[in-house]
Each structure stands twice: as C-alpha cells, then as structure tokens.
Amino acid sequence: MAEKKSKSNRRRPTIPKPAAAPPAPTLDTLVHVICYGNARGRIWQADPADKGAFTLTVDHCVRDGEGNETISEAFHVADVRHLAKVVKECCRWIEWQQGRLFPSTPPPRSTRKEPRHG
C-alpha cells in the first residue's frame, strides 16, 4: 500500500506582511508673520506645548508687471535693511512668547500684511 502524504507537509505560499507605515511627519504650525518691504519672516512652531521650539524662515517676495509672484531666498542689497528688521522683530516676538522680555514690554509689532510688490 502506498502511503499518502499528509496535507500538512505541503508548502503553503507565504503572504508578505504589509510594510509598517512610516511615522507621520511632524508638521510645523505657522504662528506669526512679520513683513517689511519685500522681506517676510515666518515663525513656525512644531509643538505648541514646547515654548522654546520655534523655527524662523525668511524670504523675498516680488511681483512682476503681470502680477506673477516670485518668492526667493536671495535678497538684493537694497532689501538688507528690511531683512535685518524682520529678523530682529521675529527674534523679539519669540523672546516675548518665551517670557524672556520684561512684563511691561509691549508685544512686538504684529503684522500680517503681505510684502509690498513692485
């Protein structure tokens, strides 16, 4: 009598396990914008619970005659004073948020105006 092979000896196809999903990226939240001339500073905060975690980005915004907006991270020498003012006010705003300025100090200038175009 021939011996039958049991079904358990058969090789079953392996089903690949789905790859683990990558961790969700941490998205910074835009918390404040300060503009002077064509210079714009944006302050971002990754975790609102952490009062010290701010990031500052600066850019240069110009519109051409047709209304097309160009955003650049390069600054013309004429815009350097505006850039310095933006960085100074952004730093002051962050210090104000962190409580490092005197309580009697008024909050830094708050502006959400878009940069002048021209």
N, C-alpha and C. Protein backbone atom coordinates (compact mmCIF):
# COMPACT_ATOMS: atom_id res chain seq x y z
N MET A 1 0.81 -1.16 0.00
CA MET A 1 0.00 0.00 0.00
C MET A 1 0.87 1.26 0.00
N ALA A 2 0.52 2.15 -0.85
CA ALA A 2 1.28 3.39 -0.93
C ALA A 2 0.83 4.33 0.17
N GLU A 3 1.78 4.96 0.72
CA GLU A 3 1.49 5.87 1.82
C GLU A 3 1.13 7.24 1.25
N LYS A 4 0.05 7.86 1.76
CA LYS A 4 -0.38 9.16 1.29
C LYS A 4 0.35 10.23 2.08
N LYS A 5 0.75 11.23 1.38
CA LYS A 5 1.38 12.35 2.06
C LYS A 5 0.29 13.21 2.69
N SER A 6 0.54 13.65 3.87
CA SER A 6 -0.45 14.48 4.54
C SER A 6 -0.41 15.89 3.96
N LYS A 7 -1.52 16.56 4.08
CA LYS A 7 -1.61 17.93 3.55
C LYS A 7 -0.71 18.87 4.31
N SER A 8 -0.39 18.56 5.55
CA SER A 8 0.43 19.46 6.35
C SER A 8 1.86 19.54 5.83
N ASN A 9 2.30 18.57 5.04
CA ASN A 9 3.64 18.61 4.50
C ASN A 9 3.76 19.50 3.27
N ARG A 10 2.62 19.89 2.74
CA ARG A 10 2.66 20.74 1.55
C ARG A 10 3.12 22.14 1.95
N ARG A 11 3.83 22.68 1.06
CA ARG A 11 4.34 24.02 1.31
C ARG A 11 3.28 25.05 0.96
N ARG A 12 2.97 25.89 1.91
CA ARG A 12 1.98 26.92 1.67
C ARG A 12 2.69 28.18 1.19
N PRO A 13 2.05 28.91 0.30
CA PRO A 13 2.68 30.15 -0.16
C PRO A 13 2.73 31.16 0.99
N THR A 14 3.83 31.86 1.03
CA THR A 14 3.95 32.87 2.09
C THR A 14 3.35 34.19 1.60
N ILE A 15 2.60 34.79 2.44
CA ILE A 15 1.99 36.07 2.12
C ILE A 15 2.83 37.14 2.80
N PRO A 16 3.37 38.05 2.01
CA PRO A 16 4.21 39.07 2.63
C PRO A 16 3.38 39.96 3.56
N LYS A 17 3.98 40.29 4.68
CA LYS A 17 3.31 41.18 5.62
C LYS A 17 3.43 42.61 5.09
N PRO A 18 2.38 43.38 5.28
CA PRO A 18 2.48 44.77 4.81
C PRO A 18 3.56 45.51 5.58
N ALA A 19 4.25 46.35 4.87
CA ALA A 19 5.31 47.13 5.50
C ALA A 19 4.69 48.09 6.51
N ALA A 20 5.42 48.31 7.57
CA ALA A 20 4.93 49.24 8.59
C ALA A 20 4.87 50.64 7.98
N ALA A 21 3.83 51.34 8.30
CA ALA A 21 3.68 52.70 7.77
C ALA A 21 4.76 53.58 8.38
N PRO A 22 5.35 54.44 7.56
CA PRO A 22 6.38 55.35 8.11
C PRO A 22 5.74 56.28 9.13
N PRO A 23 6.51 56.73 10.08
CA PRO A 23 5.93 57.63 11.07
C PRO A 23 5.45 58.91 10.41
N ALA A 24 4.37 59.43 10.92
CA ALA A 24 3.81 60.66 10.35
C ALA A 24 4.79 61.81 10.55
N PRO A 25 5.02 62.59 9.50
CA PRO A 25 5.95 63.70 9.66
C PRO A 25 5.39 64.74 10.62
N THR A 26 6.28 65.36 11.35
CA THR A 26 5.83 66.42 12.25
C THR A 26 5.71 67.69 11.43
N LEU A 27 4.54 68.24 11.42
CA LEU A 27 4.30 69.44 10.65
C LEU A 27 4.38 70.65 11.57
N ASP A 28 5.18 71.60 11.18
CA ASP A 28 5.26 72.83 11.94
C ASP A 28 4.02 73.67 11.66
N THR A 29 3.63 74.44 12.64
CA THR A 29 2.48 75.31 12.50
C THR A 29 2.96 76.75 12.38
N LEU A 30 2.45 77.44 11.39
CA LEU A 30 2.78 78.85 11.23
C LEU A 30 2.09 79.63 12.34
N VAL A 31 2.88 80.33 13.15
CA VAL A 31 2.30 81.04 14.29
C VAL A 31 2.37 82.56 14.15
N HIS A 32 3.27 83.07 13.31
CA HIS A 32 3.37 84.53 13.19
C HIS A 32 4.10 84.90 11.90
N VAL A 33 3.71 86.04 11.31
CA VAL A 33 4.34 86.55 10.09
C VAL A 33 4.66 88.02 10.31
N ILE A 34 5.87 88.41 9.95
CA ILE A 34 6.28 89.82 10.02
C ILE A 34 6.88 90.20 8.67
N CYS A 35 6.40 91.31 8.12
CA CYS A 35 6.87 91.77 6.80
C CYS A 35 7.34 93.22 6.89
N TYR A 36 8.43 93.50 6.20
CA TYR A 36 8.92 94.86 5.99
C TYR A 36 9.42 94.91 4.55
N GLY A 37 8.89 95.86 3.79
CA GLY A 37 9.30 95.94 2.39
C GLY A 37 8.98 94.64 1.69
N ASN A 38 9.96 94.11 0.98
CA ASN A 38 9.79 92.83 0.30
C ASN A 38 10.26 91.65 1.15
N ALA A 39 10.77 91.91 2.34
CA ALA A 39 11.26 90.84 3.21
C ALA A 39 10.11 90.34 4.09
N ARG A 40 10.02 89.03 4.21
CA ARG A 40 8.98 88.42 5.02
C ARG A 40 9.61 87.36 5.93
N GLY A 41 9.29 87.43 7.20
CA GLY A 41 9.74 86.43 8.16
C GLY A 41 8.55 85.64 8.66
N ARG A 42 8.68 84.33 8.67
CA ARG A 42 7.61 83.48 9.17
C ARG A 42 8.15 82.65 10.33
N ILE A 43 7.39 82.63 11.42
CA ILE A 43 7.79 81.89 12.61
C ILE A 43 6.90 80.65 12.71
N TRP A 44 7.56 79.50 12.86
CA TRP A 44 6.88 78.20 12.90
C TRP A 44 7.11 77.58 14.27
N GLN A 45 6.16 76.78 14.71
CA GLN A 45 6.29 76.07 15.98
C GLN A 45 5.87 74.62 15.76
N ALA A 46 6.76 73.69 16.13
CA ALA A 46 6.49 72.27 15.92
C ALA A 46 5.52 71.74 16.97
N ASP A 47 5.73 72.10 18.22
CA ASP A 47 4.91 71.58 19.31
C ASP A 47 4.46 72.75 20.17
N PRO A 48 3.17 73.08 20.15
CA PRO A 48 2.71 74.22 20.94
C PRO A 48 2.99 74.07 22.45
N ALA A 49 3.12 72.85 22.93
CA ALA A 49 3.41 72.64 24.35
C ALA A 49 4.83 73.05 24.70
N ASP A 50 5.73 73.01 23.72
CA ASP A 50 7.13 73.37 23.95
C ASP A 50 7.33 74.82 23.55
N LYS A 51 7.45 75.70 24.53
CA LYS A 51 7.56 77.14 24.27
C LYS A 51 8.89 77.54 23.63
N GLY A 52 9.87 76.64 23.59
CA GLY A 52 11.17 77.01 23.07
C GLY A 52 11.43 76.53 21.66
N ALA A 53 10.52 75.78 21.07
CA ALA A 53 10.77 75.17 19.76
C ALA A 53 10.17 76.01 18.64
N PHE A 54 10.89 77.05 18.25
CA PHE A 54 10.46 77.90 17.15
C PHE A 54 11.47 77.79 16.01
N THR A 55 10.98 77.95 14.80
CA THR A 55 11.83 77.99 13.61
C THR A 55 11.49 79.26 12.84
N LEU A 56 12.50 79.91 12.33
CA LEU A 56 12.30 81.14 11.58
C LEU A 56 12.72 80.92 10.13
N THR A 57 11.86 81.30 9.21
CA THR A 57 12.22 81.28 7.79
C THR A 57 12.02 82.68 7.24
N VAL A 58 12.90 83.10 6.35
CA VAL A 58 12.78 84.41 5.72
C VAL A 58 12.80 84.23 4.21
N ASP A 59 12.05 85.06 3.53
CA ASP A 59 12.07 85.03 2.07
C ASP A 59 11.81 86.42 1.53
N HIS A 60 11.91 86.52 0.22
CA HIS A 60 11.83 87.78 -0.50
C HIS A 60 10.73 87.59 -1.54
N CYS A 61 9.73 88.46 -1.51
CA CYS A 61 8.58 88.30 -2.39
C CYS A 61 8.47 89.51 -3.31
N VAL A 62 8.42 89.27 -4.62
CA VAL A 62 8.33 90.35 -5.61
C VAL A 62 7.30 89.94 -6.66
N ARG A 63 6.53 90.92 -7.11
CA ARG A 63 5.60 90.69 -8.21
C ARG A 63 6.08 91.44 -9.44
N ASP A 64 5.95 90.78 -10.58
CA ASP A 64 6.34 91.46 -11.82
C ASP A 64 5.16 92.30 -12.32
N GLY A 65 5.31 92.92 -13.46
CA GLY A 65 4.28 93.78 -14.02
C GLY A 65 2.98 93.07 -14.34
N GLU A 66 3.03 91.75 -14.56
CA GLU A 66 1.84 90.98 -14.90
C GLU A 66 1.14 90.42 -13.67
N GLY A 67 1.70 90.67 -12.49
CA GLY A 67 1.07 90.17 -11.26
C GLY A 67 1.56 88.81 -10.82
N ASN A 68 2.54 88.26 -11.52
CA ASN A 68 3.10 86.97 -11.12
C ASN A 68 4.01 87.16 -9.92
N GLU A 69 3.81 86.36 -8.90
CA GLU A 69 4.58 86.48 -7.67
C GLU A 69 5.80 85.55 -7.71
N THR A 70 6.94 86.09 -7.35
CA THR A 70 8.17 85.32 -7.27
C THR A 70 8.67 85.36 -5.84
N ILE A 71 8.87 84.20 -5.26
CA ILE A 71 9.40 84.12 -3.90
C ILE A 71 10.80 83.55 -3.98
N SER A 72 11.72 84.24 -3.34
CA SER A 72 13.12 83.86 -3.39
C SER A 72 13.73 83.94 -2.00
N GLU A 73 14.80 83.23 -1.79
CA GLU A 73 15.54 83.31 -0.54
C GLU A 73 16.78 84.17 -0.70
N ALA A 74 16.95 84.76 -1.88
CA ALA A 74 18.06 85.67 -2.13
C ALA A 74 17.56 87.10 -1.99
N PHE A 75 18.39 87.95 -1.43
CA PHE A 75 18.00 89.32 -1.17
C PHE A 75 18.90 90.29 -1.93
N HIS A 76 18.31 91.33 -2.48
CA HIS A 76 19.05 92.40 -3.11
C HIS A 76 19.65 93.26 -2.01
N VAL A 77 20.74 93.90 -2.28
CA VAL A 77 21.41 94.72 -1.27
C VAL A 77 20.47 95.80 -0.72
N ALA A 78 19.54 96.28 -1.52
CA ALA A 78 18.60 97.30 -1.06
C ALA A 78 17.62 96.76 -0.02
N ASP A 79 17.43 95.45 0.02
CA ASP A 79 16.48 94.84 0.96
C ASP A 79 17.13 94.35 2.25
N VAL A 80 18.43 94.53 2.39
CA VAL A 80 19.13 94.00 3.56
C VAL A 80 18.64 94.68 4.84
N ARG A 81 18.36 95.97 4.78
CA ARG A 81 17.84 96.65 5.98
C ARG A 81 16.48 96.10 6.38
N HIS A 82 15.65 95.81 5.39
CA HIS A 82 14.34 95.23 5.68
C HIS A 82 14.51 93.83 6.27
N LEU A 83 15.46 93.08 5.73
CA LEU A 83 15.73 91.74 6.25
C LEU A 83 16.19 91.80 7.70
N ALA A 84 17.09 92.74 8.01
CA ALA A 84 17.57 92.89 9.38
C ALA A 84 16.43 93.23 10.32
N LYS A 85 15.54 94.10 9.89
CA LYS A 85 14.40 94.49 10.73
C LYS A 85 13.46 93.31 10.95
N VAL A 86 13.22 92.53 9.90
CA VAL A 86 12.36 91.34 10.03
C VAL A 86 12.96 90.36 11.02
N VAL A 87 14.24 90.06 10.90
CA VAL A 87 14.89 89.10 11.80
C VAL A 87 14.86 89.62 13.24
N LYS A 88 15.12 90.90 13.42
CA LYS A 88 15.11 91.48 14.77
C LYS A 88 13.72 91.37 15.39
N GLU A 89 12.69 91.72 14.63
CA GLU A 89 11.32 91.66 15.16
C GLU A 89 10.88 90.22 15.41
N CYS A 90 11.30 89.29 14.56
CA CYS A 90 10.96 87.87 14.77
C CYS A 90 11.62 87.36 16.06
N CYS A 91 12.88 87.71 16.27
CA CYS A 91 13.58 87.29 17.49
C CYS A 91 12.90 87.90 18.72
N ARG A 92 12.52 89.15 18.59
CA ARG A 92 11.83 89.81 19.71
C ARG A 92 10.49 89.15 20.00
N TRP A 93 9.76 88.76 18.96
CA TRP A 93 8.47 88.09 19.15
C TRP A 93 8.66 86.74 19.84
N ILE A 94 9.69 85.99 19.43
CA ILE A 94 9.96 84.69 20.05
C ILE A 94 10.32 84.88 21.53
N GLU A 95 11.18 85.86 21.81
CA GLU A 95 11.53 86.13 23.21
C GLU A 95 10.30 86.52 24.02
N TRP A 96 9.40 87.30 23.42
CA TRP A 96 8.17 87.69 24.10
C TRP A 96 7.32 86.46 24.40
N GLN A 97 7.24 85.52 23.45
CA GLN A 97 6.46 84.29 23.64
C GLN A 97 7.07 83.42 24.75
N GLN A 98 8.38 83.43 24.84
CA GLN A 98 9.06 82.60 25.83
C GLN A 98 9.12 83.28 27.20
N GLY A 99 8.62 84.50 27.30
CA GLY A 99 8.62 85.21 28.57
C GLY A 99 9.96 85.77 28.95
N ARG A 100 10.85 85.98 27.99
CA ARG A 100 12.18 86.50 28.29
C ARG A 100 12.24 88.01 28.26
N LEU A 101 11.17 88.66 27.80
CA LEU A 101 11.13 90.12 27.84
C LEU A 101 10.43 90.55 29.13
N PHE A 102 10.72 91.75 29.57
CA PHE A 102 10.08 92.26 30.79
C PHE A 102 8.57 92.31 30.61
N PRO A 103 7.81 92.02 31.66
CA PRO A 103 6.34 92.03 31.53
C PRO A 103 5.78 93.37 31.06
N SER A 104 6.46 94.47 31.39
CA SER A 104 5.95 95.78 30.97
C SER A 104 6.24 96.08 29.50
N THR A 105 7.06 95.25 28.87
CA THR A 105 7.41 95.46 27.47
C THR A 105 6.19 95.14 26.60
N PRO A 106 5.80 96.05 25.72
CA PRO A 106 4.66 95.75 24.85
C PRO A 106 5.04 94.64 23.86
N PRO A 107 4.04 93.91 23.38
CA PRO A 107 4.36 92.86 22.41
C PRO A 107 4.96 93.46 21.15
N PRO A 108 5.79 92.71 20.46
CA PRO A 108 6.39 93.21 19.22
C PRO A 108 5.32 93.54 18.19
N ARG A 109 5.72 94.34 17.25
CA ARG A 109 4.81 94.73 16.18
C ARG A 109 4.24 93.49 15.52
N SER A 110 2.96 93.46 15.41
CA SER A 110 2.31 92.32 14.77
C SER A 110 1.81 92.77 13.41
N THR A 111 2.27 92.11 12.38
CA THR A 111 1.82 92.46 11.04
C THR A 111 1.62 91.19 10.23
N ARG A 112 0.54 91.14 9.53
CA ARG A 112 0.28 90.04 8.63
C ARG A 112 0.12 90.59 7.21
N LYS A 113 0.56 91.83 7.01
CA LYS A 113 0.47 92.41 5.69
C LYS A 113 1.41 91.66 4.75
N GLU A 114 0.97 91.54 3.54
CA GLU A 114 1.84 90.96 2.53
C GLU A 114 2.90 91.98 2.17
N PRO A 115 4.06 91.52 1.71
CA PRO A 115 5.11 92.46 1.34
C PRO A 115 4.67 93.37 0.20
N ARG A 116 5.25 94.56 0.14
CA ARG A 116 4.92 95.44 -0.98
C ARG A 116 5.45 94.80 -2.25
N HIS A 117 4.80 95.06 -3.32
CA HIS A 117 5.19 94.45 -4.59
C HIS A 117 5.57 95.54 -5.56
N GLY A 118 6.61 95.26 -6.28
CA GLY A 118 6.99 96.28 -7.26
C GLY A 118 8.31 96.05 -7.84
